[in-house]
């Protein structure tokens, strides 16, 4: 029944792919995806710190209900990221200390909640990546409905089961399963370029001529210059 079902995940990014992406800043990956994909500015890291990478196990649930999230934690494989579309509603928390502790025991690589969490002080002390849109002390319901391993969307970012989910202090990003290799190559090149630029900046050798060139191309009028 659509709206209350559990499906099988048909494919997932490999552990090798996950490990390679974990070394790249999310911002570099986002840049080479033309800055067209993002999980929304409200989706923030709440844990102590550290990067997240893993294959997506998706959950769609009605706002304020976590029945299907509980089931997803039991179905998830070690290294998976459980990502939940809770409609962005912040009235009731979807997970807290008990469920996150269960996720840690299960070897889950991260939790992404388009909704609220609680037990924030405890979450802040943990290394398991937890990203959420907000915090609420009000607990969840456990009635359903909901769906597991269906396509979901968070602020326009579409996530298919088995896609690559990345997260760091800058936020969350999904890389589609079929595009991981091309994106990895481009993001690696971008990261190397930025490392080279940083070395030039620290050495006082950064070439800043591009700024004036861009102003000139745009027709920027400068005080003291002839009016057009």
Protein backbone atom coordinates (compact mmCIF):
# COMPACT_ATOMS: atom_id res chain seq x y z
CA UNK A 1 0.00 0.00 0.00
CA UNK A 2 1.45 3.37 -1.02
CA UNK A 3 2.16 5.37 2.11
CA UNK A 4 2.65 2.37 4.40
CA UNK A 5 5.19 -0.07 3.00
CA UNK A 6 8.72 -1.43 3.33
CA UNK A 7 10.64 -2.01 0.10
CA UNK A 8 13.96 -3.67 -0.65
CA UNK A 9 16.96 -1.53 -1.51
CA UNK A 10 18.06 -2.63 -4.99
CA UNK A 11 21.55 -1.11 -5.08
CA UNK A 12 23.93 0.88 -2.90
CA UNK A 13 27.24 2.67 -3.28
CA UNK A 14 30.25 0.53 -2.40
CA UNK A 15 32.27 0.75 0.79
CA UNK A 16 35.28 1.81 -1.31
CA UNK A 17 33.33 4.72 -2.79
CA UNK A 18 32.20 5.79 0.67
CA UNK A 19 35.77 5.71 2.00
CA UNK A 20 37.14 7.81 -0.87
CA UNK A 21 34.48 10.51 -0.55
CA UNK A 22 34.94 10.76 3.20
CA UNK A 23 38.27 12.51 2.61
CA UNK A 24 36.71 15.31 0.52
CA UNK A 25 35.06 18.47 1.88
CA UNK A 26 31.34 18.56 1.14
CA UNK A 27 31.77 22.08 -0.29
CA UNK A 28 34.15 20.79 -2.99
CA UNK A 29 31.71 18.05 -3.97
CA UNK A 30 28.88 20.59 -4.05
CA UNK A 31 30.87 22.94 -6.28
CA UNK A 32 31.51 20.31 -8.96
CA UNK A 33 27.79 19.47 -8.91
CA UNK A 34 27.24 23.09 -10.00
CA UNK A 35 25.89 24.07 -6.58
CA UNK A 36 22.48 22.77 -7.63
CA UNK A 37 22.04 20.20 -4.84
CA UNK A 38 21.68 20.91 -1.13
CA UNK A 39 19.84 19.61 1.90
CA UNK A 40 18.70 23.06 3.01
CA UNK A 41 20.23 25.58 5.35
CA UNK A 42 18.13 24.35 8.30
CA UNK A 43 19.68 20.87 8.16
CA UNK A 44 22.60 21.29 10.56
CA UNK A 45 25.12 19.02 12.30
CA UNK A 46 24.31 18.53 15.97
CA UNK A 47 27.00 16.01 17.00
CA UNK A 48 30.43 16.75 18.43
CA UNK A 49 32.11 16.84 15.03
CA UNK A 50 33.34 14.72 12.19
CA UNK A 51 32.41 13.87 8.63
CA UNK A 52 29.64 11.53 7.51
CA UNK A 53 29.55 9.29 4.44
CA UNK A 54 27.46 6.24 3.65
CA UNK A 55 24.80 4.60 1.53
CA UNK A 56 21.32 6.02 2.04
CA UNK A 57 18.57 4.00 3.64
CA UNK A 58 15.57 6.26 3.10
CA UNK A 59 12.51 6.76 5.27
CA UNK A 60 9.39 8.82 4.61
CA UNK A 61 7.18 9.32 7.63
CA UNK A 62 4.25 11.45 8.60
CA UNK A 63 5.33 14.46 10.68
CA UNK A 64 5.95 13.60 14.32
CA UNK A 65 5.82 9.80 13.92
CA UNK A 66 8.86 7.51 14.18
CA UNK A 67 7.49 3.96 13.78
CA UNK A 68 9.19 3.51 10.41
CA UNK A 69 12.40 5.07 11.70
CA UNK A 70 12.56 2.39 14.39
CA UNK A 71 12.14 -0.28 11.71
CA UNK A 72 14.76 1.36 9.49
CA UNK A 73 17.32 1.25 12.31
CA UNK A 74 16.76 -2.51 12.53
CA UNK A 75 17.06 -2.96 8.75
CA UNK A 76 20.10 -0.75 8.20
CA UNK A 77 23.45 -2.35 7.45
CA UNK A 78 26.67 -1.19 9.13
CA UNK A 79 27.90 1.88 7.31
CA UNK A 80 24.45 3.00 6.13
CA UNK A 81 23.11 6.51 6.64
CA UNK A 82 19.46 6.55 7.69
CA UNK A 83 17.91 9.63 6.10
CA UNK A 84 14.37 10.62 7.03
CA UNK A 85 11.88 12.90 5.34
CA UNK A 86 9.67 13.97 8.21
CA UNK A 87 8.17 16.85 6.27
CA UNK A 88 10.42 19.39 7.98
CA UNK A 89 7.97 19.57 10.88
CA UNK A 90 9.53 20.56 14.21
CA UNK A 91 6.55 20.06 16.53
CA UNK A 92 7.65 16.62 17.76
CA UNK A 93 11.10 15.07 17.93
CA UNK A 94 11.68 11.99 15.80
CA UNK A 95 14.68 10.51 17.61
CA UNK A 96 16.66 10.99 20.79
CA UNK A 97 19.29 9.36 23.00
CA UNK A 98 17.76 5.87 23.06
CA UNK A 99 17.33 5.50 19.30
CA UNK A 100 20.69 7.06 18.53
CA UNK A 101 22.35 4.65 20.97
CA UNK A 102 20.68 1.77 19.12
CA UNK A 103 21.99 3.20 15.83
CA UNK A 104 25.52 3.29 17.25
CA UNK A 105 25.31 -0.35 18.33
CA UNK A 106 24.08 -1.26 14.84
CA UNK A 107 27.11 0.41 13.23
CA UNK A 108 25.05 3.02 11.39
CA UNK A 109 27.25 5.74 9.87
CA UNK A 110 24.91 8.67 10.39
CA UNK A 111 21.37 9.96 10.85
CA UNK A 112 19.77 12.72 8.79
CA UNK A 113 16.37 13.99 9.98
CA UNK A 114 14.25 16.45 8.03
CA UNK A 115 12.52 17.05 11.31
CA UNK A 116 13.41 17.53 14.98
CA UNK A 117 15.45 15.61 17.55
CA UNK A 118 15.67 15.80 21.34
CA UNK A 119 18.33 15.09 24.00
CA UNK A 120 20.51 17.70 22.33
CA UNK A 121 23.10 17.95 25.11
CA UNK A 122 23.73 14.21 24.84
CA UNK A 123 23.90 14.35 21.01
CA UNK A 124 26.45 17.18 21.18
CA UNK A 125 28.77 14.90 23.16
CA UNK A 126 28.60 12.08 20.58
CA UNK A 127 30.71 11.40 17.51
CA UNK A 128 27.99 9.62 15.56
CA UNK A 129 26.92 12.15 12.90
CA UNK A 130 23.42 13.50 13.48
CA UNK A 131 21.95 16.18 11.21
CA UNK A 132 18.52 17.63 11.87
CA UNK A 133 16.37 20.66 11.13
CA UNK A 134 15.60 21.49 14.75
CA UNK A 135 15.05 20.42 18.35
CA UNK A 136 11.87 19.69 20.32
CA UNK A 137 11.37 18.16 23.75
CA UNK A 138 7.97 16.82 22.67
CA UNK A 139 8.21 13.12 21.90
CA UNK A 140 7.04 11.29 18.78
CA UNK A 141 4.08 9.08 17.99
CA UNK A 142 4.56 5.47 16.94
CA UNK A 143 1.59 4.64 14.76
CA UNK A 144 2.72 5.17 11.16
CA UNK A 145 2.15 5.38 8.32
CA UNK A 146 5.46 5.66 6.52
CA UNK A 147 7.68 4.11 3.87
CA UNK A 148 11.18 2.65 3.78
CA UNK A 149 13.46 2.57 0.73
CA UNK A 150 11.44 4.95 -1.43
CA UNK A 151 12.66 8.14 -3.13
CA UNK A 152 12.46 11.12 -0.79
CA UNK A 153 13.25 14.82 -1.06
CA UNK A 154 14.65 17.34 1.41
CA UNK A 155 14.38 20.98 0.31
CA UNK A 156 14.55 19.90 -3.33
CA UNK A 157 17.43 17.44 -2.83
CA UNK A 158 16.17 14.11 -4.17
CA UNK A 159 17.57 11.01 -2.44
CA UNK A 160 17.16 7.52 -3.85
CA UNK A 161 17.82 4.41 -1.74
CA UNK A 162 21.50 3.51 -2.02
CA UNK A 163 22.67 6.98 -3.08
CA UNK A 164 25.75 8.43 -1.38
CA UNK A 165 25.02 10.70 1.58
CA UNK A 166 27.76 13.09 2.69
CA UNK A 167 27.84 15.49 5.62
CA UNK A 168 30.23 17.77 7.48
CA UNK A 169 30.08 21.12 9.27
CA UNK A 170 28.81 22.76 6.05
CA UNK A 171 25.74 20.53 5.77
CA UNK A 172 24.43 17.47 3.93
CA UNK A 173 24.71 16.50 0.27
CA UNK A 174 23.43 13.57 -1.80
CA UNK A 175 25.45 12.22 -4.73
CA UNK A 176 23.32 10.05 -7.04
CA UNK A 177 24.49 6.44 -7.23
CA UNK A 178 25.16 6.51 -10.99
CA UNK A 179 27.22 9.70 -10.81
CA UNK A 180 29.59 8.94 -7.94
CA UNK A 181 32.66 8.14 -10.07
CA UNK A 182 32.40 11.24 -12.26
CA UNK A 183 31.69 13.44 -9.25
CA UNK A 184 34.60 11.93 -7.30
CA UNK A 185 37.08 12.66 -10.09
CA UNK A 186 35.89 16.24 -10.46
CA UNK A 187 35.77 16.88 -6.69
CA UNK A 188 39.27 15.47 -6.22
CA UNK A 189 40.60 17.81 -8.91
CA UNK A 190 38.76 20.73 -7.29
CA UNK A 191 40.20 19.88 -3.87
CA UNK A 192 43.73 19.71 -5.28
CA UNK A 193 43.26 23.10 -6.95
CA UNK A 194 42.14 24.64 -3.67
CA UNK A 195 45.09 23.13 -1.80
CA UNK A 196 47.41 24.67 -4.40
CA UNK A 197 45.68 28.04 -4.06
CA UNK A 198 45.98 27.90 -0.28
CA UNK A 199 49.73 27.33 -0.56
CA UNK A 200 49.95 30.41 -2.80
CA UNK A 201 47.88 32.50 -0.36
CA UNK A 202 50.07 31.53 2.59
CA UNK A 203 53.18 32.35 0.57
CA UNK A 204 51.81 35.77 -0.40
CA UNK A 205 51.78 34.75 -4.06
CA UNK A 206 48.07 34.57 -4.82
CA UNK A 207 47.21 36.14 -8.19
CA UNK A 208 44.35 38.62 -7.60
CA UNK A 209 44.21 40.09 -11.11
CA UNK A 210 41.05 38.13 -11.88
CA UNK A 211 39.03 40.50 -9.67
CA UNK A 212 39.72 43.61 -11.76
CA UNK A 213 39.27 41.58 -14.93
CA UNK A 214 35.81 40.50 -13.76
CA UNK A 215 34.88 44.08 -12.84
CA UNK A 216 35.96 45.28 -16.27
CA UNK A 217 33.99 42.59 -18.07
CA UNK A 218 30.91 43.55 -16.10
CA UNK A 219 31.27 47.24 -16.95
CA UNK A 220 31.78 48.34 -13.34
CA UNK A 221 32.03 52.11 -13.09
CA UNK A 222 34.76 53.33 -10.76
CA UNK A 223 35.03 56.74 -9.18
CA UNK A 224 37.65 58.73 -11.01
CA UNK A 225 37.18 56.83 -14.27
CA UNK A 226 35.52 58.26 -17.34
CA UNK A 227 31.76 57.81 -17.45
CA UNK A 228 30.41 55.65 -20.24
